[in-house]
Amino acid sequence: QLIQSNTQIENTKKEVDTLTKDVSEVKIVVEQK
């Protein structure tokens, strides 16, 4: 369970990073709009 939790945490961190990038891109697009 700990290994699975660590894996999920890593995946969640990657998703958070991706979402953060997407949010920054969306913010740029919103500013352009």
All heavy atoms as atom14 arrays in JSON, in Angstrom:
{
  "sequence": "QLIQSNTQIENTKKEVDTLTKDVSEVKIVVEQK",
  "atom14_mask": [
    [1, 1, 1, 1, 1, 1, 1, 1, 1, 0, 0, 0, 0, 0],
    [1, 1, 1, 1, 1, 1, 1, 1, 0, 0, 0, 0, 0, 0],
    [1, 1, 1, 1, 1, 1, 1, 1, 0, 0, 0, 0, 0, 0],
    [1, 1, 1, 1, 1, 1, 1, 1, 1, 0, 0, 0, 0, 0],
    [1, 1, 1, 1, 1, 1, 0, 0, 0, 0, 0, 0, 0, 0],
    [1, 1, 1, 1, 1, 1, 1, 1, 0, 0, 0, 0, 0, 0],
    [1, 1, 1, 1, 1, 1, 1, 0, 0, 0, 0, 0, 0, 0],
    [1, 1, 1, 1, 1, 1, 1, 1, 1, 0, 0, 0, 0, 0],
    [1, 1, 1, 1, 1, 1, 1, 1, 0, 0, 0, 0, 0, 0],
    [1, 1, 1, 1, 1, 1, 1, 1, 1, 0, 0, 0, 0, 0],
    [1, 1, 1, 1, 1, 1, 1, 1, 0, 0, 0, 0, 0, 0],
    [1, 1, 1, 1, 1, 1, 1, 0, 0, 0, 0, 0, 0, 0],
    [1, 1, 1, 1, 1, 1, 1, 1, 1, 0, 0, 0, 0, 0],
    [1, 1, 1, 1, 1, 1, 1, 1, 1, 0, 0, 0, 0, 0],
    [1, 1, 1, 1, 1, 1, 1, 1, 1, 0, 0, 0, 0, 0],
    [1, 1, 1, 1, 1, 1, 1, 0, 0, 0, 0, 0, 0, 0],
    [1, 1, 1, 1, 1, 1, 1, 1, 0, 0, 0, 0, 0, 0],
    [1, 1, 1, 1, 1, 1, 1, 0, 0, 0, 0, 0, 0, 0],
    [1, 1, 1, 1, 1, 1, 1, 1, 0, 0, 0, 0, 0, 0],
    [1, 1, 1, 1, 1, 1, 1, 0, 0, 0, 0, 0, 0, 0],
    [1, 1, 1, 1, 1, 1, 1, 1, 1, 0, 0, 0, 0, 0],
    [1, 1, 1, 1, 1, 1, 1, 1, 0, 0, 0, 0, 0, 0],
    [1, 1, 1, 1, 1, 1, 1, 0, 0, 0, 0, 0, 0, 0],
    [1, 1, 1, 1, 1, 1, 0, 0, 0, 0, 0, 0, 0, 0],
    [1, 1, 1, 1, 1, 1, 1, 1, 1, 0, 0, 0, 0, 0],
    [1, 1, 1, 1, 1, 1, 1, 0, 0, 0, 0, 0, 0, 0],
    [1, 1, 1, 1, 1, 1, 1, 1, 1, 0, 0, 0, 0, 0],
    [1, 1, 1, 1, 1, 1, 1, 1, 0, 0, 0, 0, 0, 0],
    [1, 1, 1, 1, 1, 1, 1, 0, 0, 0, 0, 0, 0, 0],
    [1, 1, 1, 1, 1, 1, 1, 0, 0, 0, 0, 0, 0, 0],
    [1, 1, 1, 1, 1, 1, 1, 1, 1, 0, 0, 0, 0, 0],
    [1, 1, 1, 1, 1, 1, 1, 1, 1, 0, 0, 0, 0, 0],
    [1, 1, 1, 1, 1, 1, 1, 1, 1, 0, 0, 0, 0, 0]
  ],
  "atom14_positions": [
    [[0.83, -1.21, 0.0], [0.0, 0.0, 0.0], [0.86, 1.26, 0.0], [0.53, 2.26, -0.66], [-0.92, -0.01, 1.21], [-2.03, -1.05, 1.14], [-2.91, -1.04, 2.36], [-2.68, -0.25, 3.3], [-3.92, -1.91, 2.37], [0.0, 0.0, 0.0], [0.0, 0.0, 0.0], [0.0, 0.0, 0.0], [0.0, 0.0, 0.0], [0.0, 0.0, 0.0]],
    [[1.98, 1.19, 0.75], [2.87, 2.34, 0.79], [3.48, 2.59, -0.59], [3.57, 3.75, -1.04], [3.97, 2.1, 1.83], [4.99, 3.23, 2.02], [4.29, 4.51, 2.5], [6.07, 2.8, 2.99], [0.0, 0.0, 0.0], [0.0, 0.0, 0.0], [0.0, 0.0, 0.0], [0.0, 0.0, 0.0], [0.0, 0.0, 0.0], [0.0, 0.0, 0.0]],
    [[3.88, 1.51, -1.25], [4.43, 1.66, -2.61], [3.38, 2.23, -3.55], [3.65, 3.14, -4.36], [4.95, 0.3, -3.11], [6.19, -0.13, -2.31], [5.32, 0.38, -4.59], [6.61, -1.56, -2.55], [0.0, 0.0, 0.0], [0.0, 0.0, 0.0], [0.0, 0.0, 0.0], [0.0, 0.0, 0.0], [0.0, 0.0, 0.0], [0.0, 0.0, 0.0]],
    [[2.16, 1.68, -3.46], [1.08, 2.2, -4.31], [0.79, 3.67, -4.0], [0.57, 4.48, -4.91], [-0.18, 1.36, -4.11], [-0.08, -0.04, -4.68], [-1.32, -0.86, -4.42], [-2.27, -0.37, -3.78], [-1.33, -2.1, -4.89], [0.0, 0.0, 0.0], [0.0, 0.0, 0.0], [0.0, 0.0, 0.0], [0.0, 0.0, 0.0], [0.0, 0.0, 0.0]],
    [[0.81, 3.98, -2.69], [0.56, 5.37, -2.3], [1.66, 6.28, -2.82], [1.38, 7.39, -3.33], [0.49, 5.48, -0.77], [-0.58, 4.72, -0.26], [0.0, 0.0, 0.0], [0.0, 0.0, 0.0], [0.0, 0.0, 0.0], [0.0, 0.0, 0.0], [0.0, 0.0, 0.0], [0.0, 0.0, 0.0], [0.0, 0.0, 0.0], [0.0, 0.0, 0.0]],
    [[2.91, 5.82, -2.74], [4.02, 6.62, -3.28], [3.88, 6.8, -4.79], [4.12, 7.89, -5.32], [5.35, 5.96, -2.95], [5.69, 6.05, -1.46], [5.32, 7.0, -0.79], [6.4, 5.05, -0.95], [0.0, 0.0, 0.0], [0.0, 0.0, 0.0], [0.0, 0.0, 0.0], [0.0, 0.0, 0.0], [0.0, 0.0, 0.0], [0.0, 0.0, 0.0]],
    [[3.47, 5.7, -5.46], [3.26, 5.8, -6.92], [2.15, 6.79, -7.23], [2.26, 7.63, -8.15], [2.92, 4.42, -7.49], [3.95, 3.49, -7.13], [2.81, 4.48, -9.0], [0.0, 0.0, 0.0], [0.0, 0.0, 0.0], [0.0, 0.0, 0.0], [0.0, 0.0, 0.0], [0.0, 0.0, 0.0], [0.0, 0.0, 0.0], [0.0, 0.0, 0.0]],
    [[1.05, 6.68, -6.48], [-0.05, 7.63, -6.68], [0.38, 9.05, -6.4], [-0.02, 10.0, -7.1], [-1.23, 7.23, -5.8], [-1.94, 5.96, -6.24], [-3.09, 5.59, -5.33], [-3.32, 6.23, -4.31], [-3.81, 4.54, -5.71], [0.0, 0.0, 0.0], [0.0, 0.0, 0.0], [0.0, 0.0, 0.0], [0.0, 0.0, 0.0], [0.0, 0.0, 0.0]],
    [[1.21, 9.22, -5.37], [1.68, 10.56, -5.03], [2.54, 11.12, -6.17], [2.41, 12.29, -6.56], [2.47, 10.53, -3.71], [1.51, 10.32, -2.53], [3.25, 11.83, -3.52], [2.19, 10.02, -1.22], [0.0, 0.0, 0.0], [0.0, 0.0, 0.0], [0.0, 0.0, 0.0], [0.0, 0.0, 0.0], [0.0, 0.0, 0.0], [0.0, 0.0, 0.0]],
    [[3.41, 10.26, -6.73], [4.24, 10.7, -7.85], [3.37, 11.07, -9.05], [3.58, 12.1, -9.71], [5.23, 9.6, -8.23], [6.3, 9.34, -7.17], [7.21, 10.53, -6.96], [7.45, 11.27, -7.94], [7.68, 10.73, -5.83], [0.0, 0.0, 0.0], [0.0, 0.0, 0.0], [0.0, 0.0, 0.0], [0.0, 0.0, 0.0], [0.0, 0.0, 0.0]],
    [[2.38, 10.19, -9.34], [1.48, 10.49, -10.46], [0.7, 11.77, -10.21], [0.49, 12.59, -11.13], [0.51, 9.33, -10.68], [1.22, 8.07, -11.17], [2.22, 8.16, -11.87], [0.7, 6.91, -10.81], [0.0, 0.0, 0.0], [0.0, 0.0, 0.0], [0.0, 0.0, 0.0], [0.0, 0.0, 0.0], [0.0, 0.0, 0.0], [0.0, 0.0, 0.0]],
    [[0.27, 11.95, -8.96], [-0.48, 13.16, -8.6], [0.41, 14.39, -8.75], [-0.04, 15.44, -9.25], [-1.0, 13.05, -7.16], [-1.8, 11.88, -7.03], [-1.84, 14.27, -6.81], [0.0, 0.0, 0.0], [0.0, 0.0, 0.0], [0.0, 0.0, 0.0], [0.0, 0.0, 0.0], [0.0, 0.0, 0.0], [0.0, 0.0, 0.0], [0.0, 0.0, 0.0]],
    [[1.68, 14.26, -8.36], [2.6, 15.38, -8.52], [2.78, 15.72, -10.0], [2.78, 16.9, -10.39], [3.96, 15.04, -7.91], [3.98, 15.11, -6.39], [5.37, 14.8, -5.87], [5.42, 14.87, -4.34], [6.77, 14.55, -3.8], [0.0, 0.0, 0.0], [0.0, 0.0, 0.0], [0.0, 0.0, 0.0], [0.0, 0.0, 0.0], [0.0, 0.0, 0.0]],
    [[2.92, 14.66, -10.83], [3.05, 14.91, -12.27], [1.8, 15.59, -12.82], [1.88, 16.53, -13.62], [3.3, 13.59, -12.99], [4.68, 13.0, -12.71], [4.85, 11.69, -13.45], [6.22, 11.08, -13.17], [6.4, 9.76, -13.85], [0.0, 0.0, 0.0], [0.0, 0.0, 0.0], [0.0, 0.0, 0.0], [0.0, 0.0, 0.0], [0.0, 0.0, 0.0]],
    [[0.62, 15.09, -12.4], [-0.62, 15.7, -12.86], [-0.74, 17.14, -12.39], [-1.2, 18.02, -13.14], [-1.81, 14.89, -12.35], [-1.96, 13.51, -13.02], [-3.1, 12.72, -12.45], [-3.76, 13.22, -11.5], [-3.36, 11.6, -12.95], [0.0, 0.0, 0.0], [0.0, 0.0, 0.0], [0.0, 0.0, 0.0], [0.0, 0.0, 0.0], [0.0, 0.0, 0.0]],
    [[-0.3, 17.37, -11.13], [-0.34, 18.75, -10.6], [0.58, 19.65, -11.41], [0.23, 20.8, -11.74], [0.04, 18.75, -9.11], [0.3, 20.17, -8.62], [-1.06, 18.13, -8.27], [0.0, 0.0, 0.0], [0.0, 0.0, 0.0], [0.0, 0.0, 0.0], [0.0, 0.0, 0.0], [0.0, 0.0, 0.0], [0.0, 0.0, 0.0], [0.0, 0.0, 0.0]],
    [[1.76, 19.15, -11.74], [2.69, 19.93, -12.56], [2.08, 20.23, -13.93], [2.15, 21.36, -14.44], [4.01, 19.19, -12.72], [4.78, 19.08, -11.41], [4.55, 19.93, -10.52], [5.59, 18.14, -11.27], [0.0, 0.0, 0.0], [0.0, 0.0, 0.0], [0.0, 0.0, 0.0], [0.0, 0.0, 0.0], [0.0, 0.0, 0.0], [0.0, 0.0, 0.0]],
    [[1.47, 19.17, -14.53], [0.83, 19.36, -15.84], [-0.31, 20.37, -15.75], [-0.45, 21.26, -16.61], [0.31, 18.02, -16.37], [1.37, 17.07, -16.4], [-0.27, 18.17, -17.76], [0.0, 0.0, 0.0], [0.0, 0.0, 0.0], [0.0, 0.0, 0.0], [0.0, 0.0, 0.0], [0.0, 0.0, 0.0], [0.0, 0.0, 0.0], [0.0, 0.0, 0.0]],
    [[-1.13, 20.22, -14.7], [-2.25, 21.15, -14.53], [-1.75, 22.57, -14.27], [-2.35, 23.54, -14.74], [-3.14, 20.69, -13.37], [-3.96, 19.42, -13.62], [-4.65, 18.98, -12.34], [-4.98, 19.64, -14.72], [0.0, 0.0, 0.0], [0.0, 0.0, 0.0], [0.0, 0.0, 0.0], [0.0, 0.0, 0.0], [0.0, 0.0, 0.0], [0.0, 0.0, 0.0]],
    [[-0.64, 22.68, -13.54], [-0.07, 24.01, -13.29], [0.37, 24.65, -14.6], [0.12, 25.84, -14.86], [1.12, 23.89, -12.34], [0.7, 23.25, -11.13], [1.67, 25.27, -12.01], [0.0, 0.0, 0.0], [0.0, 0.0, 0.0], [0.0, 0.0, 0.0], [0.0, 0.0, 0.0], [0.0, 0.0, 0.0], [0.0, 0.0, 0.0], [0.0, 0.0, 0.0]],
    [[1.03, 23.84, -15.47], [1.42, 24.35, -16.77], [0.2, 24.75, -17.59], [0.18, 25.8, -18.24], [2.25, 23.31, -17.52], [3.63, 23.07, -16.9], [4.38, 22.01, -17.69], [5.75, 21.74, -17.08], [6.48, 20.68, -17.82], [0.0, 0.0, 0.0], [0.0, 0.0, 0.0], [0.0, 0.0, 0.0], [0.0, 0.0, 0.0], [0.0, 0.0, 0.0]],
    [[-0.81, 23.86, -17.56], [-2.04, 24.16, -18.32], [-2.69, 25.44, -17.8], [-3.18, 26.27, -18.59], [-3.02, 22.99, -18.22], [-2.51, 21.76, -18.95], [-1.64, 21.91, -19.83], [-2.98, 20.64, -18.63], [0.0, 0.0, 0.0], [0.0, 0.0, 0.0], [0.0, 0.0, 0.0], [0.0, 0.0, 0.0], [0.0, 0.0, 0.0], [0.0, 0.0, 0.0]],
    [[-2.71, 25.58, -16.48], [-3.32, 26.79, -15.89], [-2.55, 28.04, -16.31], [-3.15, 29.08, -16.64], [-3.37, 26.66, -14.35], [-3.7, 27.99, -13.71], [-4.41, 25.63, -13.94], [0.0, 0.0, 0.0], [0.0, 0.0, 0.0], [0.0, 0.0, 0.0], [0.0, 0.0, 0.0], [0.0, 0.0, 0.0], [0.0, 0.0, 0.0], [0.0, 0.0, 0.0]],
    [[-1.21, 27.93, -16.32], [-0.42, 29.09, -16.74], [-0.69, 29.42, -18.21], [-0.83, 30.59, -18.59], [1.06, 28.81, -16.52], [1.48, 27.71, -17.32], [0.0, 0.0, 0.0], [0.0, 0.0, 0.0], [0.0, 0.0, 0.0], [0.0, 0.0, 0.0], [0.0, 0.0, 0.0], [0.0, 0.0, 0.0], [0.0, 0.0, 0.0], [0.0, 0.0, 0.0]],
    [[-0.79, 28.36, -19.05], [-1.1, 28.6, -20.46], [-2.49, 29.2, -20.62], [-2.7, 30.11, -21.44], [-0.99, 27.29, -21.24], [0.44, 26.76, -21.36], [0.5, 25.42, -22.07], [-0.59, 24.9, -22.41], [1.61, 24.91, -22.29], [0.0, 0.0, 0.0], [0.0, 0.0, 0.0], [0.0, 0.0, 0.0], [0.0, 0.0, 0.0], [0.0, 0.0, 0.0]],
    [[-3.44, 28.67, -19.84], [-4.81, 29.2, -19.91], [-4.83, 30.66, -19.46], [-5.54, 31.49, -20.04], [-5.76, 28.34, -19.06], [-7.1, 29.03, -18.9], [-5.96, 26.97, -19.7], [0.0, 0.0, 0.0], [0.0, 0.0, 0.0], [0.0, 0.0, 0.0], [0.0, 0.0, 0.0], [0.0, 0.0, 0.0], [0.0, 0.0, 0.0], [0.0, 0.0, 0.0]],
    [[-4.04, 30.97, -18.44], [-3.97, 32.36, -17.99], [-3.43, 33.26, -19.1], [-3.93, 34.36, -19.33], [-3.07, 32.47, -16.76], [-3.73, 31.98, -15.48], [-2.81, 32.17, -14.3], [-3.46, 31.71, -13.0], [-2.56, 31.87, -11.83], [0.0, 0.0, 0.0], [0.0, 0.0, 0.0], [0.0, 0.0, 0.0], [0.0, 0.0, 0.0], [0.0, 0.0, 0.0]],
    [[-2.39, 32.77, -19.8], [-1.84, 33.55, -20.91], [-2.89, 33.76, -21.99], [-3.08, 34.85, -22.53], [-0.6, 32.85, -21.48], [0.53, 32.86, -20.44], [-0.13, 33.54, -22.75], [1.72, 31.99, -20.81], [0.0, 0.0, 0.0], [0.0, 0.0, 0.0], [0.0, 0.0, 0.0], [0.0, 0.0, 0.0], [0.0, 0.0, 0.0], [0.0, 0.0, 0.0]],
    [[-3.62, 32.64, -22.31], [-4.67, 32.74, -23.33], [-5.76, 33.7, -22.88], [-6.28, 34.51, -23.68], [-5.27, 31.34, -23.62], [-6.47, 31.46, -24.53], [-4.22, 30.44, -24.27], [0.0, 0.0, 0.0], [0.0, 0.0, 0.0], [0.0, 0.0, 0.0], [0.0, 0.0, 0.0], [0.0, 0.0, 0.0], [0.0, 0.0, 0.0], [0.0, 0.0, 0.0]],
    [[-6.13, 33.64, -21.59], [-7.16, 34.54, -21.06], [-6.71, 35.99, -21.17], [-7.49, 36.88, -21.55], [-7.5, 34.16, -19.61], [-8.33, 35.25, -18.95], [-8.26, 32.84, -19.57], [0.0, 0.0, 0.0], [0.0, 0.0, 0.0], [0.0, 0.0, 0.0], [0.0, 0.0, 0.0], [0.0, 0.0, 0.0], [0.0, 0.0, 0.0], [0.0, 0.0, 0.0]],
    [[-5.45, 36.24, -20.84], [-4.93, 37.6, -20.96], [-4.96, 38.07, -22.41], [-5.34, 39.22, -22.7], [-3.5, 37.66, -20.42], [-3.38, 37.44, -18.93], [-4.07, 38.51, -18.12], [-4.12, 39.67, -18.59], [-4.58, 38.21, -17.02], [0.0, 0.0, 0.0], [0.0, 0.0, 0.0], [0.0, 0.0, 0.0], [0.0, 0.0, 0.0], [0.0, 0.0, 0.0]],
    [[-4.59, 37.15, -23.33], [-4.65, 37.51, -24.75], [-6.09, 37.8, -25.18], [-6.36, 38.74, -25.92], [-4.07, 36.38, -25.6], [-2.56, 36.25, -25.46], [-2.01, 35.09, -26.29], [-2.77, 34.3, -26.85], [-0.7, 34.99, -26.36], [0.0, 0.0, 0.0], [0.0, 0.0, 0.0], [0.0, 0.0, 0.0], [0.0, 0.0, 0.0], [0.0, 0.0, 0.0]],
    [[-7.02, 36.94, -24.69], [-8.43, 37.16, -25.04], [-8.92, 38.49, -24.47], [-9.69, 39.21, -25.13], [-9.29, 36.01, -24.51], [-9.0, 34.66, -25.16], [-9.34, 34.67, -26.62], [-9.1, 33.31, -27.26], [-9.35, 33.32, -28.72], [0.0, 0.0, 0.0], [0.0, 0.0, 0.0], [0.0, 0.0, 0.0], [0.0, 0.0, 0.0], [0.0, 0.0, 0.0]]
  ]
}
